[in-house]
Amino acid sequence: MKAMSILVRALWDDEASVWVATSSDIDGLVVEAGSVEELEVKVLSAVADLVELNGSPSELPEIPVHIMAEHVAKIPNPFY
């Protein structure tokens, strides 16, 4: 039995003020949204569509999708 999950990486784009999600586990996934909550909905919908188009990568009844969000925030250095 082939078991797998899909890892999606989401990065904050300061210039566009959106989260951008991509994955090397599923071809064609590129999703943008203004919030992580919006992004999750869009990512799950896009992954479902892409799995259907590309064929199922798993024999599980449900495919786990891990969304890893990263946003780097900065504060002024008071000693600089």
PDB file of N, CA and C in Angstrom:
ATOM      1  N   MET A   1       0.839  -1.183   0.000  1.00  0.00           N
ATOM      2  CA  MET A   1       0.000   0.000   0.000  1.00  0.00           C
ATOM      3  C   MET A   1       0.881   1.243   0.000  1.00  0.00           C
ATOM      4  N   LYS A   2       0.551   2.168  -0.852  1.00  0.00           N
ATOM      5  CA  LYS A   2       1.308   3.407  -0.959  1.00  0.00           C
ATOM      6  C   LYS A   2       0.664   4.456  -0.055  1.00  0.00           C
ATOM      7  N   ALA A   3       1.406   4.895   0.974  1.00  0.00           N
ATOM      8  CA  ALA A   3       0.910   5.927   1.886  1.00  0.00           C
ATOM      9  C   ALA A   3       1.764   7.172   1.722  1.00  0.00           C
ATOM     10  N   MET A   4       1.135   8.321   1.766  1.00  0.00           N
ATOM     11  CA  MET A   4       1.895   9.559   1.626  1.00  0.00           C
ATOM     12  C   MET A   4       1.109  10.727   2.172  1.00  0.00           C
ATOM     13  N   SER A   5       1.790  11.837   2.291  1.00  0.00           N
ATOM     14  CA  SER A   5       1.138  13.091   2.628  1.00  0.00           C
ATOM     15  C   SER A   5       1.740  14.164   1.740  1.00  0.00           C
ATOM     16  N   ILE A   6       1.102  15.306   1.701  1.00  0.00           N
ATOM     17  CA  ILE A   6       1.557  16.408   0.856  1.00  0.00           C
ATOM     18  C   ILE A   6       2.006  17.547   1.761  1.00  0.00           C
ATOM     19  N   LEU A   7       3.226  18.016   1.538  1.00  0.00           N
ATOM     20  CA  LEU A   7       3.767  19.139   2.295  1.00  0.00           C
ATOM     21  C   LEU A   7       3.650  20.403   1.449  1.00  0.00           C
ATOM     22  N   VAL A   8       2.986  21.401   2.007  1.00  0.00           N
ATOM     23  CA  VAL A   8       2.802  22.692   1.335  1.00  0.00           C
ATOM     24  C   VAL A   8       3.532  23.745   2.155  1.00  0.00           C
ATOM     25  N   ARG A   9       4.355  24.537   1.495  1.00  0.00           N
ATOM     26  CA  ARG A   9       5.069  25.618   2.178  1.00  0.00           C
ATOM     27  C   ARG A   9       4.423  26.950   1.802  1.00  0.00           C
ATOM     28  N   ALA A  10       4.127  27.741   2.820  1.00  0.00           N
ATOM     29  CA  ALA A  10       3.515  29.051   2.602  1.00  0.00           C
ATOM     30  C   ALA A  10       4.447  30.128   3.140  1.00  0.00           C
ATOM     31  N   LEU A  11       4.736  31.104   2.308  1.00  0.00           N
ATOM     32  CA  LEU A  11       5.605  32.219   2.693  1.00  0.00           C
ATOM     33  C   LEU A  11       4.855  33.525   2.504  1.00  0.00           C
ATOM     34  N   TRP A  12       5.113  34.466   3.393  1.00  0.00           N
ATOM     35  CA  TRP A  12       4.498  35.784   3.297  1.00  0.00           C
ATOM     36  C   TRP A  12       5.261  36.626   2.292  1.00  0.00           C
ATOM     37  N   ASP A  13       4.565  37.215   1.334  1.00  0.00           N
ATOM     38  CA  ASP A  13       5.155  38.110   0.347  1.00  0.00           C
ATOM     39  C   ASP A  13       4.841  39.540   0.778  1.00  0.00           C
ATOM     40  N   ASP A  14       5.837  40.219   1.347  1.00  0.00           N
ATOM     41  CA  ASP A  14       5.647  41.597   1.842  1.00  0.00           C
ATOM     42  C   ASP A  14       5.195  42.545   0.740  1.00  0.00           C
ATOM     43  N   GLU A  15       5.796  42.407  -0.423  1.00  0.00           N
ATOM     44  CA  GLU A  15       5.507  43.321  -1.523  1.00  0.00           C
ATOM     45  C   GLU A  15       4.052  43.215  -1.977  1.00  0.00           C
ATOM     46  N   ALA A  16       3.542  41.996  -2.092  1.00  0.00           N
ATOM     47  CA  ALA A  16       2.170  41.787  -2.563  1.00  0.00           C
ATOM     48  C   ALA A  16       1.163  41.703  -1.408  1.00  0.00           C
ATOM     49  N   SER A  17       1.661  41.608  -0.182  1.00  0.00           N
ATOM     50  CA  SER A  17       0.821  41.459   1.019  1.00  0.00           C
ATOM     51  C   SER A  17      -0.111  40.254   0.937  1.00  0.00           C
ATOM     52  N   VAL A  18       0.472  39.123   0.523  1.00  0.00           N
ATOM     53  CA  VAL A  18      -0.289  37.870   0.456  1.00  0.00           C
ATOM     54  C   VAL A  18       0.590  36.705   0.894  1.00  0.00           C
ATOM     55  N   TRP A  19      -0.068  35.632   1.320  1.00  0.00           N
ATOM     56  CA  TRP A  19       0.609  34.360   1.545  1.00  0.00           C
ATOM     57  C   TRP A  19       0.659  33.639   0.211  1.00  0.00           C
ATOM     58  N   VAL A  20       1.801  33.030  -0.096  1.00  0.00           N
ATOM     59  CA  VAL A  20       1.971  32.262  -1.328  1.00  0.00           C
ATOM     60  C   VAL A  20       2.338  30.838  -0.950  1.00  0.00           C
ATOM     61  N   ALA A  21       1.535  29.886  -1.425  1.00  0.00           N
ATOM     62  CA  ALA A  21       1.757  28.481  -1.096  1.00  0.00           C
ATOM     63  C   ALA A  21       2.157  27.697  -2.339  1.00  0.00           C
ATOM     64  N   THR A  22       3.191  26.855  -2.180  1.00  0.00           N
ATOM     65  CA  THR A  22       3.641  25.971  -3.250  1.00  0.00           C
ATOM     66  C   THR A  22       4.006  24.628  -2.632  1.00  0.00           C
ATOM     67  N   SER A  23       4.169  23.633  -3.489  1.00  0.00           N
ATOM     68  CA  SER A  23       4.562  22.315  -2.998  1.00  0.00           C
ATOM     69  C   SER A  23       5.325  21.573  -4.078  1.00  0.00           C
ATOM     70  N   SER A  24       6.400  20.920  -3.680  1.00  0.00           N
ATOM     71  CA  SER A  24       7.128  20.069  -4.619  1.00  0.00           C
ATOM     72  C   SER A  24       6.504  18.669  -4.649  1.00  0.00           C
ATOM     73  N   ASP A  25       5.526  18.418  -3.776  1.00  0.00           N
ATOM     74  CA  ASP A  25       4.881  17.104  -3.722  1.00  0.00           C
ATOM     75  C   ASP A  25       3.742  16.952  -4.724  1.00  0.00           C
ATOM     76  N   ILE A  26       3.227  18.065  -5.231  1.00  0.00           N
ATOM     77  CA  ILE A  26       2.124  17.998  -6.191  1.00  0.00           C
ATOM     78  C   ILE A  26       2.318  19.060  -7.267  1.00  0.00           C
ATOM     79  N   ASP A  27       2.461  18.619  -8.502  1.00  0.00           N
ATOM     80  CA  ASP A  27       2.734  19.527  -9.616  1.00  0.00           C
ATOM     81  C   ASP A  27       1.608  20.524  -9.828  1.00  0.00           C
ATOM     82  N   GLY A  28       1.997  21.779 -10.049  1.00  0.00           N
ATOM     83  CA  GLY A  28       1.043  22.810 -10.416  1.00  0.00           C
ATOM     84  C   GLY A  28       0.436  23.589  -9.276  1.00  0.00           C
ATOM     85  N   LEU A  29       0.830  23.300  -8.035  1.00  0.00           N
ATOM     86  CA  LEU A  29       0.213  23.995  -6.906  1.00  0.00           C
ATOM     87  C   LEU A  29       0.888  25.343  -6.667  1.00  0.00           C
ATOM     88  N   VAL A  30       0.147  26.410  -6.886  1.00  0.00           N
ATOM     89  CA  VAL A  30       0.549  27.773  -6.542  1.00  0.00           C
ATOM     90  C   VAL A  30      -0.734  28.498  -6.149  1.00  0.00           C
ATOM     91  N   VAL A  31      -0.813  28.911  -4.889  1.00  0.00           N
ATOM     92  CA  VAL A  31      -2.028  29.539  -4.368  1.00  0.00           C
ATOM     93  C   VAL A  31      -1.638  30.786  -3.578  1.00  0.00           C
ATOM     94  N   GLU A  32      -2.439  31.848  -3.696  1.00  0.00           N
ATOM     95  CA  GLU A  32      -2.228  33.083  -2.940  1.00  0.00           C
ATOM     96  C   GLU A  32      -3.478  33.414  -2.145  1.00  0.00           C
ATOM     97  N   ALA A  33      -3.289  34.030  -0.964  1.00  0.00           N
ATOM     98  CA  ALA A  33      -4.416  34.482  -0.155  1.00  0.00           C
ATOM     99  C   ALA A  33      -3.933  35.529   0.835  1.00  0.00           C
ATOM    100  N   GLY A  34      -4.862  36.338   1.313  1.00  0.00           N
ATOM    101  CA  GLY A  34      -4.533  37.411   2.236  1.00  0.00           C
ATOM    102  C   GLY A  34      -4.362  36.977   3.676  1.00  0.00           C
ATOM    103  N   SER A  35      -4.864  35.787   4.028  1.00  0.00           N
ATOM    104  CA  SER A  35      -4.715  35.283   5.392  1.00  0.00           C
ATOM    105  C   SER A  35      -4.424  33.782   5.350  1.00  0.00           C
ATOM    106  N   VAL A  36      -3.898  33.267   6.447  1.00  0.00           N
ATOM    107  CA  VAL A  36      -3.594  31.833   6.521  1.00  0.00           C
ATOM    108  C   VAL A  36      -4.885  31.018   6.452  1.00  0.00           C
ATOM    109  N   GLU A  37      -5.944  31.534   7.058  1.00  0.00           N
ATOM    110  CA  GLU A  37      -7.231  30.826   7.039  1.00  0.00           C
ATOM    111  C   GLU A  37      -7.775  30.721   5.608  1.00  0.00           C
ATOM    112  N   GLU A  38      -7.724  31.814   4.871  1.00  0.00           N
ATOM    113  CA  GLU A  38      -8.131  31.816   3.461  1.00  0.00           C
ATOM    114  C   GLU A  38      -7.251  30.881   2.649  1.00  0.00           C
ATOM    115  N   LEU A  39      -5.958  30.928   2.939  1.00  0.00           N
ATOM    116  CA  LEU A  39      -4.996  30.109   2.213  1.00  0.00           C
ATOM    117  C   LEU A  39      -5.306  28.628   2.391  1.00  0.00           C
ATOM    118  N   GLU A  40      -5.625  28.214   3.610  1.00  0.00           N
ATOM    119  CA  GLU A  40      -5.921  26.805   3.860  1.00  0.00           C
ATOM    120  C   GLU A  40      -7.091  26.325   2.996  1.00  0.00           C
ATOM    121  N   VAL A  41      -8.149  27.108   2.944  1.00  0.00           N
ATOM    122  CA  VAL A  41      -9.313  26.737   2.139  1.00  0.00           C
ATOM    123  C   VAL A  41      -8.925  26.585   0.664  1.00  0.00           C
ATOM    124  N   LYS A  42      -8.171  27.559   0.156  1.00  0.00           N
ATOM    125  CA  LYS A  42      -7.755  27.532  -1.248  1.00  0.00           C
ATOM    126  C   LYS A  42      -6.793  26.385  -1.536  1.00  0.00           C
ATOM    127  N   VAL A  43      -5.857  26.141  -0.615  1.00  0.00           N
ATOM    128  CA  VAL A  43      -4.883  25.060  -0.798  1.00  0.00           C
ATOM    129  C   VAL A  43      -5.589  23.715  -0.854  1.00  0.00           C
ATOM    130  N   LEU A  44      -6.491  23.457   0.087  1.00  0.00           N
ATOM    131  CA  LEU A  44      -7.180  22.164   0.113  1.00  0.00           C
ATOM    132  C   LEU A  44      -8.009  21.952  -1.151  1.00  0.00           C
ATOM    133  N   SER A  45      -8.660  23.000  -1.623  1.00  0.00           N
ATOM    134  CA  SER A  45      -9.439  22.899  -2.855  1.00  0.00           C
ATOM    135  C   SER A  45      -8.535  22.617  -4.057  1.00  0.00           C
ATOM    136  N   ALA A  46      -7.422  23.356  -4.150  1.00  0.00           N
ATOM    137  CA  ALA A  46      -6.500  23.174  -5.264  1.00  0.00           C
ATOM    138  C   ALA A  46      -5.851  21.792  -5.233  1.00  0.00           C
ATOM    139  N   VAL A  47      -5.465  21.328  -4.041  1.00  0.00           N
ATOM    140  CA  VAL A  47      -4.858  19.998  -3.925  1.00  0.00           C
ATOM    141  C   VAL A  47      -5.855  18.928  -4.363  1.00  0.00           C
ATOM    142  N   ALA A  48      -7.117  19.055  -3.928  1.00  0.00           N
ATOM    143  CA  ALA A  48      -8.134  18.081  -4.335  1.00  0.00           C
ATOM    144  C   ALA A  48      -8.279  18.048  -5.859  1.00  0.00           C
ATOM    145  N   ASP A  49      -8.313  19.223  -6.479  1.00  0.00           N
ATOM    146  CA  ASP A  49      -8.419  19.289  -7.938  1.00  0.00           C
ATOM    147  C   ASP A  49      -7.199  18.675  -8.615  1.00  0.00           C
ATOM    148  N   LEU A  50      -6.012  19.009  -8.112  1.00  0.00           N
ATOM    149  CA  LEU A  50      -4.780  18.506  -8.725  1.00  0.00           C
ATOM    150  C   LEU A  50      -4.616  17.001  -8.541  1.00  0.00           C
ATOM    151  N   VAL A  51      -5.028  16.486  -7.392  1.00  0.00           N
ATOM    152  CA  VAL A  51      -4.967  15.033  -7.171  1.00  0.00           C
ATOM    153  C   VAL A  51      -5.878  14.341  -8.177  1.00  0.00           C
ATOM    154  N   GLU A  52      -7.051  14.904  -8.393  1.00  0.00           N
ATOM    155  CA  GLU A  52      -7.984  14.316  -9.360  1.00  0.00           C
ATOM    156  C   GLU A  52      -7.412  14.370 -10.782  1.00  0.00           C
ATOM    157  N   LEU A  53      -6.807  15.505 -11.143  1.00  0.00           N
ATOM    158  CA  LEU A  53      -6.234  15.655 -12.482  1.00  0.00           C
ATOM    159  C   LEU A  53      -4.992  14.792 -12.695  1.00  0.00           C
ATOM    160  N   ASN A  54      -4.136  14.732 -11.666  1.00  0.00           N
ATOM    161  CA  ASN A  54      -2.851  14.036 -11.790  1.00  0.00           C
ATOM    162  C   ASN A  54      -2.926  12.571 -11.408  1.00  0.00           C
ATOM    163  N   GLY A  55      -4.027  12.131 -10.816  1.00  0.00           N
ATOM    164  CA  GLY A  55      -4.107  10.761 -10.310  1.00  0.00           C
ATOM    165  C   GLY A  55      -3.708  10.752  -8.852  1.00  0.00           C
ATOM    166  N   SER A  56      -4.334   9.883  -8.092  1.00  0.00           N
ATOM    167  CA  SER A  56      -4.097   9.849  -6.647  1.00  0.00           C
ATOM    168  C   SER A  56      -2.701   9.333  -6.318  1.00  0.00           C
ATOM    169  N   PRO A  57      -1.948  10.080  -5.492  1.00  0.00           N
ATOM    170  CA  PRO A  57      -0.618   9.628  -5.093  1.00  0.00           C
ATOM    171  C   PRO A  57      -0.670   8.681  -3.895  1.00  0.00           C
ATOM    172  N   SER A  58      -1.864   8.281  -3.460  1.00  0.00           N
ATOM    173  CA  SER A  58      -1.994   7.506  -2.233  1.00  0.00           C
ATOM    174  C   SER A  58      -3.159   6.531  -2.341  1.00  0.00           C
ATOM    175  N   GLU A  59      -3.060   5.461  -1.591  1.00  0.00           N
ATOM    176  CA  GLU A  59      -4.159   4.506  -1.516  1.00  0.00           C
ATOM    177  C   GLU A  59      -4.962   4.701  -0.233  1.00  0.00           C
ATOM    178  N   LEU A  60      -4.678   5.773   0.498  1.00  0.00           N
ATOM    179  CA  LEU A  60      -5.420   6.089   1.720  1.00  0.00           C
ATOM    180  C   LEU A  60      -6.763   6.724   1.358  1.00  0.00           C
ATOM    181  N   PRO A  61      -7.775   6.582   2.210  1.00  0.00           N
ATOM    182  CA  PRO A  61      -9.058   7.234   1.930  1.00  0.00           C
ATOM    183  C   PRO A  61      -8.983   8.759   2.053  1.00  0.00           C
ATOM    184  N   GLU A  62      -8.045   9.247   2.834  1.00  0.00           N
ATOM    185  CA  GLU A  62      -7.810  10.685   2.977  1.00  0.00           C
ATOM    186  C   GLU A  62      -6.315  10.946   2.847  1.00  0.00           C
ATOM    187  N   ILE A  63      -5.954  12.030   2.189  1.00  0.00           N
ATOM    188  CA  ILE A  63      -4.547  12.385   2.006  1.00  0.00           C
ATOM    189  C   ILE A  63      -4.223  13.542   2.934  1.00  0.00           C
ATOM    190  N   PRO A  64      -3.299  13.345   3.887  1.00  0.00           N
ATOM    191  CA  PRO A  64      -2.918  14.446   4.781  1.00  0.00           C
ATOM    192  C   PRO A  64      -2.191  15.558   4.008  1.00  0.00           C
ATOM    193  N   VAL A  65      -2.591  16.797   4.269  1.00  0.00           N
ATOM    194  CA  VAL A  65      -1.946  17.965   3.667  1.00  0.00           C
ATOM    195  C   VAL A  65      -1.389  18.806   4.809  1.00  0.00           C
ATOM    196  N   HIS A  66      -0.073  18.916   4.857  1.00  0.00           N
ATOM    197  CA  HIS A  66       0.608  19.686   5.901  1.00  0.00           C
ATOM    198  C   HIS A  66       0.921  21.068   5.332  1.00  0.00           C
ATOM    199  N   ILE A  67       0.352  22.114   5.933  1.00  0.00           N
ATOM    200  CA  ILE A  67       0.607  23.481   5.479  1.00  0.00           C
ATOM    201  C   ILE A  67       1.539  24.138   6.486  1.00  0.00           C
ATOM    202  N   MET A  68       2.747  24.430   6.041  1.00  0.00           N
ATOM    203  CA  MET A  68       3.768  25.032   6.896  1.00  0.00           C
ATOM    204  C   MET A  68       3.894  26.507   6.504  1.00  0.00           C
ATOM    205  N   ALA A  69       3.448  27.399   7.388  1.00  0.00           N
ATOM    206  CA  ALA A  69       3.484  28.836   7.113  1.00  0.00           C
ATOM    207  C   ALA A  69       4.664  29.476   7.828  1.00  0.00           C
ATOM    208  N   GLU A  70       5.377  30.339   7.105  1.00  0.00           N
ATOM    209  CA  GLU A  70       6.537  31.026   7.675  1.00  0.00           C
ATOM    210  C   GLU A  70       6.478  32.505   7.334  1.00  0.00           C
ATOM    211  N   HIS A  71       6.599  33.318   8.370  1.00  0.00           N
ATOM    212  CA  HIS A  71       6.606  34.765   8.188  1.00  0.00           C
ATOM    213  C   HIS A  71       7.702  35.329   9.087  1.00  0.00           C
ATOM    214  N   VAL A  72       8.644  36.018   8.511  1.00  0.00           N
ATOM    215  CA  VAL A  72       9.728  36.613   9.277  1.00  0.00           C
ATOM    216  C   VAL A  72       9.346  38.041   9.627  1.00  0.00           C
ATOM    217  N   ALA A  73       9.279  38.337  10.904  1.00  0.00           N
ATOM    218  CA  ALA A  73       8.997  39.694  11.373  1.00  0.00           C
ATOM    219  C   ALA A  73      10.294  40.295  11.909  1.00  0.00           C
ATOM    220  N   LYS A  74      10.407  41.596  11.854  1.00  0.00           N
ATOM    221  CA  LYS A  74      11.619  42.273  12.299  1.00  0.00           C
ATOM    222  C   LYS A  74      11.271  43.358  13.313  1.00  0.00           C
ATOM    223  N   ILE A  75      12.173  43.556  14.256  1.00  0.00           N
ATOM    224  CA  ILE A  75      12.045  44.658  15.209  1.00  0.00           C
ATOM    225  C   ILE A  75      13.326  45.476  15.149  1.00  0.00           C
ATOM    226  N   PRO A  76      13.250  46.751  15.468  1.00  0.00           N
ATOM    227  CA  PRO A  76      14.462  47.562  15.461  1.00  0.00           C
ATOM    228  C   PRO A  76      15.423  47.083  16.565  1.00  0.00           C
ATOM    229  N   ASN A  77      16.698  47.130  16.261  1.00  0.00           N
ATOM    230  CA  ASN A  77      17.724  46.785  17.236  1.00  0.00           C
ATOM    231  C   ASN A  77      18.024  48.058  18.040  1.00  0.00           C
ATOM    232  N   PRO A  78      17.703  48.065  19.338  1.00  0.00           N
ATOM    233  CA  PRO A  78      17.921  49.278  20.145  1.00  0.00           C
ATOM    234  C   PRO A  78      19.396  49.600  20.342  1.00  0.00           C
ATOM    235  N   PHE A  79      20.284  48.672  20.050  1.00  0.00           N
ATOM    236  CA  PHE A  79      21.723  48.894  20.258  1.00  0.00           C
ATOM    237  C   PHE A  79      22.444  49.242  18.949  1.00  0.00           C
ATOM    238  N   TYR A  80      21.700  49.390  17.873  1.00  0.00           N
ATOM    239  CA  TYR A  80      22.315  49.676  16.577  1.00  0.00           C
ATOM    240  C   TYR A  80      22.456  51.149  16.384  1.00  0.00           C
TER     241      TYR A  80
END
